[in-house]
C-alpha atoms as a PDB file:
ATOM      1  CA  UNK A   1      -5.592  -4.892   6.714  1.00  0.00           C
ATOM      2  CA  UNK A   2      -5.957  -3.847   3.071  1.00  0.00           C
ATOM      3  CA  UNK A   3      -9.476  -2.496   3.498  1.00  0.00           C
ATOM      4  CA  UNK A   4      -9.659   1.140   2.337  1.00  0.00           C
ATOM      5  CA  UNK A   5     -10.909   2.362   5.746  1.00  0.00           C
ATOM      6  CA  UNK A   6      -7.848   0.927   7.498  1.00  0.00           C
ATOM      7  CA  UNK A   7      -5.396   2.272   4.910  1.00  0.00           C
ATOM      8  CA  UNK A   8      -7.013   5.719   5.113  1.00  0.00           C
ATOM      9  CA  UNK A   9      -6.819   5.682   8.936  1.00  0.00           C
ATOM     10  CA  UNK A  10      -3.136   4.717   8.848  1.00  0.00           C
ATOM     11  CA  UNK A  11      -2.469   7.414   6.263  1.00  0.00           C
ATOM     12  CA  UNK A  12      -4.178  10.026   8.420  1.00  0.00           C
ATOM     13  CA  UNK A  13      -1.856   9.142  11.323  1.00  0.00           C
ATOM     14  CA  UNK A  14       1.087  10.464   9.289  1.00  0.00           C
ATOM     15  CA  UNK A  15      -0.231  14.053   9.163  1.00  0.00           C
ATOM     16  CA  UNK A  16       2.026  15.117  12.045  1.00  0.00           C
ATOM     17  CA  UNK A  17       5.049  13.091  10.925  1.00  0.00           C
ATOM     18  CA  UNK A  18       6.433  14.491   7.643  1.00  0.00           C
ATOM     19  CA  UNK A  19       9.538  12.285   7.579  1.00  0.00           C
ATOM     20  CA  UNK A  20       7.730   9.020   8.275  1.00  0.00           C
ATOM     21  CA  UNK A  21       6.152   6.488   5.986  1.00  0.00           C
ATOM     22  CA  UNK A  22       4.310   3.216   6.426  1.00  0.00           C
ATOM     23  CA  UNK A  23       5.059   0.352   4.059  1.00  0.00           C
ATOM     24  CA  UNK A  24       2.257  -2.155   3.601  1.00  0.00           C
ATOM     25  CA  UNK A  25       2.962  -5.500   2.061  1.00  0.00           C
ATOM     26  CA  UNK A  26       1.037  -8.748   1.933  1.00  0.00           C
ATOM     27  CA  UNK A  27       1.937 -12.068   3.498  1.00  0.00           C
ATOM     28  CA  UNK A  28      -0.971 -14.479   3.576  1.00  0.00           C
ATOM     29  CA  UNK A  29      -0.012 -18.168   3.679  1.00  0.00           C
ATOM     30  CA  UNK A  30      -3.696 -19.148   3.784  1.00  0.00           C
ATOM     31  CA  UNK A  31      -4.235 -17.457   0.419  1.00  0.00           C
ATOM     32  CA  UNK A  32      -0.793 -18.513  -0.879  1.00  0.00           C
ATOM     33  CA  UNK A  33      -0.015 -14.814  -1.438  1.00  0.00           C
ATOM     34  CA  UNK A  34       3.192 -12.895  -0.787  1.00  0.00           C
ATOM     35  CA  UNK A  35       3.668  -9.336  -2.074  1.00  0.00           C
ATOM     36  CA  UNK A  36       6.835  -7.492  -1.068  1.00  0.00           C
ATOM     37  CA  UNK A  37       6.887  -3.787  -0.087  1.00  0.00           C
ATOM     38  CA  UNK A  38       8.050  -2.644  -3.537  1.00  0.00           C
ATOM     39  CA  UNK A  39       4.827  -4.133  -4.884  1.00  0.00           C
ATOM     40  CA  UNK A  40       2.666  -2.942  -2.006  1.00  0.00           C
ATOM     41  CA  UNK A  41       1.482   0.376  -0.603  1.00  0.00           C
ATOM     42  CA  UNK A  42       3.630   3.199   0.695  1.00  0.00           C
ATOM     43  CA  UNK A  43       1.750   5.630   2.911  1.00  0.00           C
ATOM     44  CA  UNK A  44       3.385   9.045   3.199  1.00  0.00           C
ATOM     45  CA  UNK A  45       2.199  12.362   4.527  1.00  0.00           C
ATOM     46  CA  UNK A  46       1.826  13.651   0.953  1.00  0.00           C
ATOM     47  CA  UNK A  47      -0.178  10.671  -0.299  1.00  0.00           C
ATOM     48  CA  UNK A  48      -0.354   6.976  -0.990  1.00  0.00           C
ATOM     49  CA  UNK A  49       1.884   5.301  -3.530  1.00  0.00           C
ATOM     50  CA  UNK A  50      -0.022   2.290  -4.801  1.00  0.00           C
ATOM     51  CA  UNK A  51       2.359  -0.263  -6.288  1.00  0.00           C
ATOM     52  CA  UNK A  52       0.094  -3.203  -5.480  1.00  0.00           C
ATOM     53  CA  UNK A  53       0.234  -5.973  -8.030  1.00  0.00           C
ATOM     54  CA  UNK A  54      -3.467  -6.762  -7.946  1.00  0.00           C
ATOM     55  CA  UNK A  55      -3.087  -9.765 -10.232  1.00  0.00           C
ATOM     56  CA  UNK A  56      -1.242 -11.452  -7.352  1.00  0.00           C
ATOM     57  CA  UNK A  57      -4.070 -10.721  -4.897  1.00  0.00           C
ATOM     58  CA  UNK A  58      -7.246 -12.723  -4.416  1.00  0.00           C
ATOM     59  CA  UNK A  59     -10.196 -10.875  -5.964  1.00  0.00           C
ATOM     60  CA  UNK A  60     -11.650  -9.949  -2.559  1.00  0.00           C
ATOM     61  CA  UNK A  61      -8.543  -7.837  -1.769  1.00  0.00           C
ATOM     62  CA  UNK A  62      -8.282  -5.831  -4.990  1.00  0.00           C
ATOM     63  CA  UNK A  63      -9.323  -2.493  -3.529  1.00  0.00           C
ATOM     64  CA  UNK A  64      -8.753   0.913  -5.110  1.00  0.00           C
ATOM     65  CA  UNK A  65      -7.496   3.578  -2.709  1.00  0.00           C
ATOM     66  CA  UNK A  66      -8.902   7.087  -3.000  1.00  0.00           C
ATOM     67  CA  UNK A  67      -6.237   9.679  -3.714  1.00  0.00           C
ATOM     68  CA  UNK A  68      -3.528   7.114  -4.371  1.00  0.00           C
ATOM     69  CA  UNK A  69      -1.082   7.293  -7.250  1.00  0.00           C
ATOM     70  CA  UNK A  70       0.929   4.709  -9.113  1.00  0.00           C
ATOM     71  CA  UNK A  71       4.707   4.786  -8.596  1.00  0.00           C
ATOM     72  CA  UNK A  72       7.033   6.102 -11.299  1.00  0.00           C
ATOM     73  CA  UNK A  73       8.479   3.471 -13.639  1.00  0.00           C
ATOM     74  CA  UNK A  74      11.895   3.608 -11.979  1.00  0.00           C
ATOM     75  CA  UNK A  75      10.430   3.304  -8.466  1.00  0.00           C
ATOM     76  CA  UNK A  76      12.631   1.568  -5.907  1.00  0.00           C
ATOM     77  CA  UNK A  77      11.833   1.507  -2.211  1.00  0.00           C
ATOM     78  CA  UNK A  78      15.439   1.167  -1.105  1.00  0.00           C
END
């Protein structure tokens, strides 16, 4: 799910939905990994907010997403 091609495809779906966003978080019991939405990806029409805590991810999932930006320091999802 975290592969750049999938994230880009999901992001492209939002082009016609300006008030929508997709929150991507990680829950992988097999990898003993849980990353909540505030430390995940937020896909919005205007771009991708990349708050992924890559240190918590297995190496094989530490992708960089083209055109993404880090969240502001005071970022809160809710």
